[in-house]
Amino acid sequence: MHDTQLLQLIIDDFAPAQQLLELLQTESLALHGRDMPLLEEILAHKQALIILLEQHGRKRSEILASLNLPTNRQGLEQLASQSSIGERLLGQSDVLTDLLAQCQAANVNNGQSILVQQAATANQLKILTGGEPPALYDARGSTSKLAKPRPLSQA
């Protein structure tokens, strides 16, 4: 009974996890294109999918806990060892785990892209507002002595 319920919860998460992965891939393109309206739309959908996946994850953990099993892979393996659908349960769990790992990797890449864009924007703002000039490097990787502020023109 609990094994079939767990299996169904895992299978039910395939569609939202796949949708999340596709959204993260679209988000990557939108980040590079700086498409703010699309990014806002993606964020709303992304949050809804993450909430759904977290709820299902909690349900799976609750089922394992109700059986006095650890709420991790080890608990799932213990349940699977006593189930006629144990092999399928573990296999589908592995597929979901892989899909979620792909989502996490895509999210990390998007986060890094955001950080790079924030740094570039901050640098551009410094230049536009007459702040600190950008650091220039020489062939050895040291800060170049040529990176000196330009004299202010006097009109």
C-alpha atoms as a PDB file:
ATOM      1  CA  MET A   1       0.000   0.000   0.000  1.00  0.00           C
ATOM      2  CA  HIS A   2       2.629   2.542   1.061  1.00  0.00           C
ATOM      3  CA  ASP A   3       4.971   1.408  -1.680  1.00  0.00           C
ATOM      4  CA  THR A   4       2.375   2.015  -4.410  1.00  0.00           C
ATOM      5  CA  GLN A   5       1.518   5.389  -2.897  1.00  0.00           C
ATOM      6  CA  LEU A   6       5.203   6.364  -2.893  1.00  0.00           C
ATOM      7  CA  LEU A   7       5.620   5.171  -6.455  1.00  0.00           C
ATOM      8  CA  GLN A   8       2.629   7.225  -7.574  1.00  0.00           C
ATOM      9  CA  LEU A   9       3.981  10.349  -5.832  1.00  0.00           C
ATOM     10  CA  ILE A  10       7.322   9.870  -7.588  1.00  0.00           C
ATOM     11  CA  ILE A  11       5.664   9.387 -10.979  1.00  0.00           C
ATOM     12  CA  ASP A  12       3.426  12.418 -10.349  1.00  0.00           C
ATOM     13  CA  ASP A  13       6.567  14.540  -9.915  1.00  0.00           C
ATOM     14  CA  PHE A  14       7.975  13.710 -13.359  1.00  0.00           C
ATOM     15  CA  ALA A  15       5.804  16.255 -15.201  1.00  0.00           C
ATOM     16  CA  PRO A  16       6.418  19.217 -12.853  1.00  0.00           C
ATOM     17  CA  ALA A  17      10.131  18.416 -12.646  1.00  0.00           C
ATOM     18  CA  GLN A  18      10.371  18.287 -16.454  1.00  0.00           C
ATOM     19  CA  GLN A  19       8.431  21.559 -16.703  1.00  0.00           C
ATOM     20  CA  LEU A  20      10.805  23.119 -14.172  1.00  0.00           C
ATOM     21  CA  LEU A  21      13.831  21.995 -16.184  1.00  0.00           C
ATOM     22  CA  GLU A  22      12.345  23.472 -19.363  1.00  0.00           C
ATOM     23  CA  LEU A  23      11.572  26.731 -17.542  1.00  0.00           C
ATOM     24  CA  LEU A  24      15.141  26.916 -16.249  1.00  0.00           C
ATOM     25  CA  GLN A  25      16.454  26.419 -19.778  1.00  0.00           C
ATOM     26  CA  THR A  26      14.133  29.150 -21.055  1.00  0.00           C
ATOM     27  CA  GLU A  27      15.223  31.331 -18.143  1.00  0.00           C
ATOM     28  CA  SER A  28      18.828  30.953 -19.254  1.00  0.00           C
ATOM     29  CA  LEU A  29      17.953  32.282 -22.705  1.00  0.00           C
ATOM     30  CA  ALA A  30      15.878  35.107 -21.224  1.00  0.00           C
ATOM     31  CA  LEU A  31      18.757  36.070 -18.925  1.00  0.00           C
ATOM     32  CA  HIS A  32      21.173  36.320 -21.831  1.00  0.00           C
ATOM     33  CA  GLY A  33      18.629  38.356 -23.807  1.00  0.00           C
ATOM     34  CA  ARG A  34      17.721  40.418 -20.715  1.00  0.00           C
ATOM     35  CA  ASP A  35      14.031  39.813 -21.437  1.00  0.00           C
ATOM     36  CA  MET A  36      12.556  41.122 -18.186  1.00  0.00           C
ATOM     37  CA  PRO A  37       8.848  40.463 -18.913  1.00  0.00           C
ATOM     38  CA  LEU A  38       9.645  36.845 -19.782  1.00  0.00           C
ATOM     39  CA  LEU A  39      11.829  36.494 -16.671  1.00  0.00           C
ATOM     40  CA  GLU A  40       8.975  37.717 -14.464  1.00  0.00           C
ATOM     41  CA  GLU A  41       6.603  35.198 -16.056  1.00  0.00           C
ATOM     42  CA  ILE A  42       9.131  32.393 -15.622  1.00  0.00           C
ATOM     43  CA  LEU A  43       9.666  33.293 -11.965  1.00  0.00           C
ATOM     44  CA  ALA A  44       5.955  32.963 -11.189  1.00  0.00           C
ATOM     45  CA  HIS A  45       5.712  29.541 -12.864  1.00  0.00           C
ATOM     46  CA  LYS A  46       8.988  28.398 -11.349  1.00  0.00           C
ATOM     47  CA  GLN A  47       7.856  29.209  -7.810  1.00  0.00           C
ATOM     48  CA  ALA A  48       4.586  27.304  -8.258  1.00  0.00           C
ATOM     49  CA  LEU A  49       6.411  24.205  -9.522  1.00  0.00           C
ATOM     50  CA  ILE A  50       8.964  24.326  -6.717  1.00  0.00           C
ATOM     51  CA  ILE A  51       6.200  24.551  -4.102  1.00  0.00           C
ATOM     52  CA  LEU A  52       4.421  21.563  -5.649  1.00  0.00           C
ATOM     53  CA  LEU A  53       7.623  19.491  -5.755  1.00  0.00           C
ATOM     54  CA  GLU A  54       8.418  20.395  -2.137  1.00  0.00           C
ATOM     55  CA  GLN A  55       4.919  19.354  -1.029  1.00  0.00           C
ATOM     56  CA  HIS A  56       5.247  15.989  -2.756  1.00  0.00           C
ATOM     57  CA  GLY A  57       8.707  15.528  -1.252  1.00  0.00           C
ATOM     58  CA  ARG A  58       7.283  16.147   2.221  1.00  0.00           C
ATOM     59  CA  LYS A  59       4.503  13.612   1.575  1.00  0.00           C
ATOM     60  CA  ARG A  60       7.070  10.998   0.557  1.00  0.00           C
ATOM     61  CA  SER A  61       9.096  11.726   3.688  1.00  0.00           C
ATOM     62  CA  GLU A  62       5.965  11.490   5.844  1.00  0.00           C
ATOM     63  CA  ILE A  63       5.130   8.072   4.399  1.00  0.00           C
ATOM     64  CA  LEU A  64       8.621   6.770   5.155  1.00  0.00           C
ATOM     65  CA  ALA A  65       8.552   8.308   8.649  1.00  0.00           C
ATOM     66  CA  SER A  66       5.146   6.728   9.351  1.00  0.00           C
ATOM     67  CA  LEU A  67       6.792   3.358   8.665  1.00  0.00           C
ATOM     68  CA  ASN A  68       9.637   4.221  11.065  1.00  0.00           C
ATOM     69  CA  LEU A  69      12.070   4.345   8.152  1.00  0.00           C
ATOM     70  CA  PRO A  70      14.702   6.999   7.467  1.00  0.00           C
ATOM     71  CA  THR A  71      13.358   9.762   5.230  1.00  0.00           C
ATOM     72  CA  ASN A  72      16.137   9.382   2.677  1.00  0.00           C
ATOM     73  CA  ARG A  73      17.358   6.964   0.031  1.00  0.00           C
ATOM     74  CA  GLN A  74      18.226   4.385   2.699  1.00  0.00           C
ATOM     75  CA  GLY A  75      14.625   4.355   3.935  1.00  0.00           C
ATOM     76  CA  LEU A  76      13.334   3.976   0.404  1.00  0.00           C
ATOM     77  CA  GLU A  77      15.716   1.054  -0.162  1.00  0.00           C
ATOM     78  CA  GLN A  78      14.487  -0.610   3.038  1.00  0.00           C
ATOM     79  CA  LEU A  79      10.878  -0.270   1.921  1.00  0.00           C
ATOM     80  CA  ALA A  80      11.752  -1.464  -1.592  1.00  0.00           C
ATOM     81  CA  SER A  81      13.462  -4.580  -0.215  1.00  0.00           C
ATOM     82  CA  GLN A  82      10.118  -5.650   1.302  1.00  0.00           C
ATOM     83  CA  SER A  83       7.970  -4.719  -1.712  1.00  0.00           C
ATOM     84  CA  SER A  84       6.942  -6.578  -4.834  1.00  0.00           C
ATOM     85  CA  ILE A  85       7.401  -3.301  -6.777  1.00  0.00           C
ATOM     86  CA  GLY A  86      10.642  -2.417  -5.019  1.00  0.00           C
ATOM     87  CA  GLU A  87      12.813  -2.499  -8.128  1.00  0.00           C
ATOM     88  CA  ARG A  88      10.417  -0.219 -10.007  1.00  0.00           C
ATOM     89  CA  LEU A  89      10.164   2.085  -6.983  1.00  0.00           C
ATOM     90  CA  LEU A  90      13.943   2.521  -6.828  1.00  0.00           C
ATOM     91  CA  GLY A  91      14.269   2.897 -10.601  1.00  0.00           C
ATOM     92  CA  GLN A  92      11.623   5.621 -10.816  1.00  0.00           C
ATOM     93  CA  SER A  93      13.142   7.334  -7.786  1.00  0.00           C
ATOM     94  CA  ASP A  94      16.513   7.380  -9.574  1.00  0.00           C
ATOM     95  CA  VAL A  95      14.919   8.928 -12.670  1.00  0.00           C
ATOM     96  CA  LEU A  96      13.296  11.669 -10.556  1.00  0.00           C
ATOM     97  CA  THR A  97      16.516  12.266  -8.619  1.00  0.00           C
ATOM     98  CA  ASP A  98      18.426  12.679 -11.894  1.00  0.00           C
ATOM     99  CA  LEU A  99      15.820  15.069 -13.271  1.00  0.00           C
ATOM    100  CA  LEU A 100      15.927  17.177 -10.103  1.00  0.00           C
ATOM    101  CA  ALA A 101      19.741  17.198 -10.224  1.00  0.00           C
ATOM    102  CA  GLN A 102      19.528  18.573 -13.778  1.00  0.00           C
ATOM    103  CA  CYS A 103      17.170  21.281 -12.498  1.00  0.00           C
ATOM    104  CA  GLN A 104      19.574  22.157  -9.717  1.00  0.00           C
ATOM    105  CA  ALA A 105      22.528  22.367 -12.130  1.00  0.00           C
ATOM    106  CA  ALA A 106      20.550  24.602 -14.516  1.00  0.00           C
ATOM    107  CA  ASN A 107      19.526  26.807 -11.604  1.00  0.00           C
ATOM    108  CA  VAL A 108      23.149  27.143 -10.451  1.00  0.00           C
ATOM    109  CA  ASN A 109      24.187  28.129 -14.002  1.00  0.00           C
ATOM    110  CA  ASN A 110      21.413  30.724 -14.133  1.00  0.00           C
ATOM    111  CA  GLY A 111      22.504  32.090 -10.766  1.00  0.00           C
ATOM    112  CA  GLN A 112      26.072  32.446 -11.999  1.00  0.00           C
ATOM    113  CA  SER A 113      24.817  34.220 -15.115  1.00  0.00           C
ATOM    114  CA  ILE A 114      22.886  36.652 -12.923  1.00  0.00           C
ATOM    115  CA  LEU A 115      25.991  37.363 -10.831  1.00  0.00           C
ATOM    116  CA  VAL A 116      28.087  38.052 -13.944  1.00  0.00           C
ATOM    117  CA  GLN A 117      25.421  40.387 -15.318  1.00  0.00           C
ATOM    118  CA  GLN A 118      25.131  42.198 -11.968  1.00  0.00           C
ATOM    119  CA  ALA A 119      28.897  42.748 -11.880  1.00  0.00           C
ATOM    120  CA  ALA A 120      28.903  44.035 -15.472  1.00  0.00           C
ATOM    121  CA  THR A 121      26.007  46.379 -14.736  1.00  0.00           C
ATOM    122  CA  ALA A 122      27.720  47.685 -11.594  1.00  0.00           C
ATOM    123  CA  ASN A 123      30.897  48.313 -13.581  1.00  0.00           C
ATOM    124  CA  GLN A 124      28.955  50.142 -16.293  1.00  0.00           C
ATOM    125  CA  LEU A 125      27.232  52.290 -13.672  1.00  0.00           C
ATOM    126  CA  LYS A 126      30.594  53.227 -12.138  1.00  0.00           C
ATOM    127  CA  ILE A 127      31.844  54.315 -15.551  1.00  0.00           C
ATOM    128  CA  LEU A 128      28.683  56.296 -16.324  1.00  0.00           C
ATOM    129  CA  THR A 129      28.612  58.043 -12.957  1.00  0.00           C
ATOM    130  CA  GLY A 130      32.312  58.893 -13.040  1.00  0.00           C
ATOM    131  CA  GLY A 131      33.155  56.466 -10.276  1.00  0.00           C
ATOM    132  CA  GLU A 132      36.203  54.296 -10.036  1.00  0.00           C
ATOM    133  CA  PRO A 133      37.694  53.451 -13.454  1.00  0.00           C
ATOM    134  CA  PRO A 134      37.716  49.802 -14.459  1.00  0.00           C
ATOM    135  CA  ALA A 135      40.847  47.883 -13.503  1.00  0.00           C
ATOM    136  CA  LEU A 136      43.033  47.051 -16.450  1.00  0.00           C
ATOM    137  CA  TYR A 137      45.590  44.271 -16.328  1.00  0.00           C
ATOM    138  CA  ASP A 138      49.003  43.933 -17.884  1.00  0.00           C
ATOM    139  CA  ALA A 139      50.486  40.777 -19.450  1.00  0.00           C
ATOM    140  CA  ARG A 140      51.503  39.413 -16.031  1.00  0.00           C
ATOM    141  CA  GLY A 141      47.969  39.746 -14.647  1.00  0.00           C
ATOM    142  CA  SER A 142      48.900  42.675 -12.420  1.00  0.00           C
ATOM    143  CA  THR A 143      46.912  45.865 -12.372  1.00  0.00           C
ATOM    144  CA  SER A 144      48.240  48.070 -15.111  1.00  0.00           C
ATOM    145  CA  LYS A 145      49.769  51.435 -14.232  1.00  0.00           C
ATOM    146  CA  LEU A 146      47.902  52.777 -17.261  1.00  0.00           C
ATOM    147  CA  ALA A 147      44.567  52.553 -15.459  1.00  0.00           C
ATOM    148  CA  LYS A 148      44.657  56.110 -14.156  1.00  0.00           C
ATOM    149  CA  PRO A 149      41.660  58.386 -13.915  1.00  0.00           C
ATOM    150  CA  ARG A 150      41.249  60.797 -16.773  1.00  0.00           C
ATOM    151  CA  PRO A 151      41.710  64.442 -15.862  1.00  0.00           C
ATOM    152  CA  LEU A 152      38.494  66.382 -15.648  1.00  0.00           C
ATOM    153  CA  SER A 153      38.101  68.782 -18.522  1.00  0.00           C
ATOM    154  CA  GLN A 154      37.688  72.362 -17.563  1.00  0.00           C
ATOM    155  CA  ALA A 155      35.234  74.322 -19.587  1.00  0.00           C
END
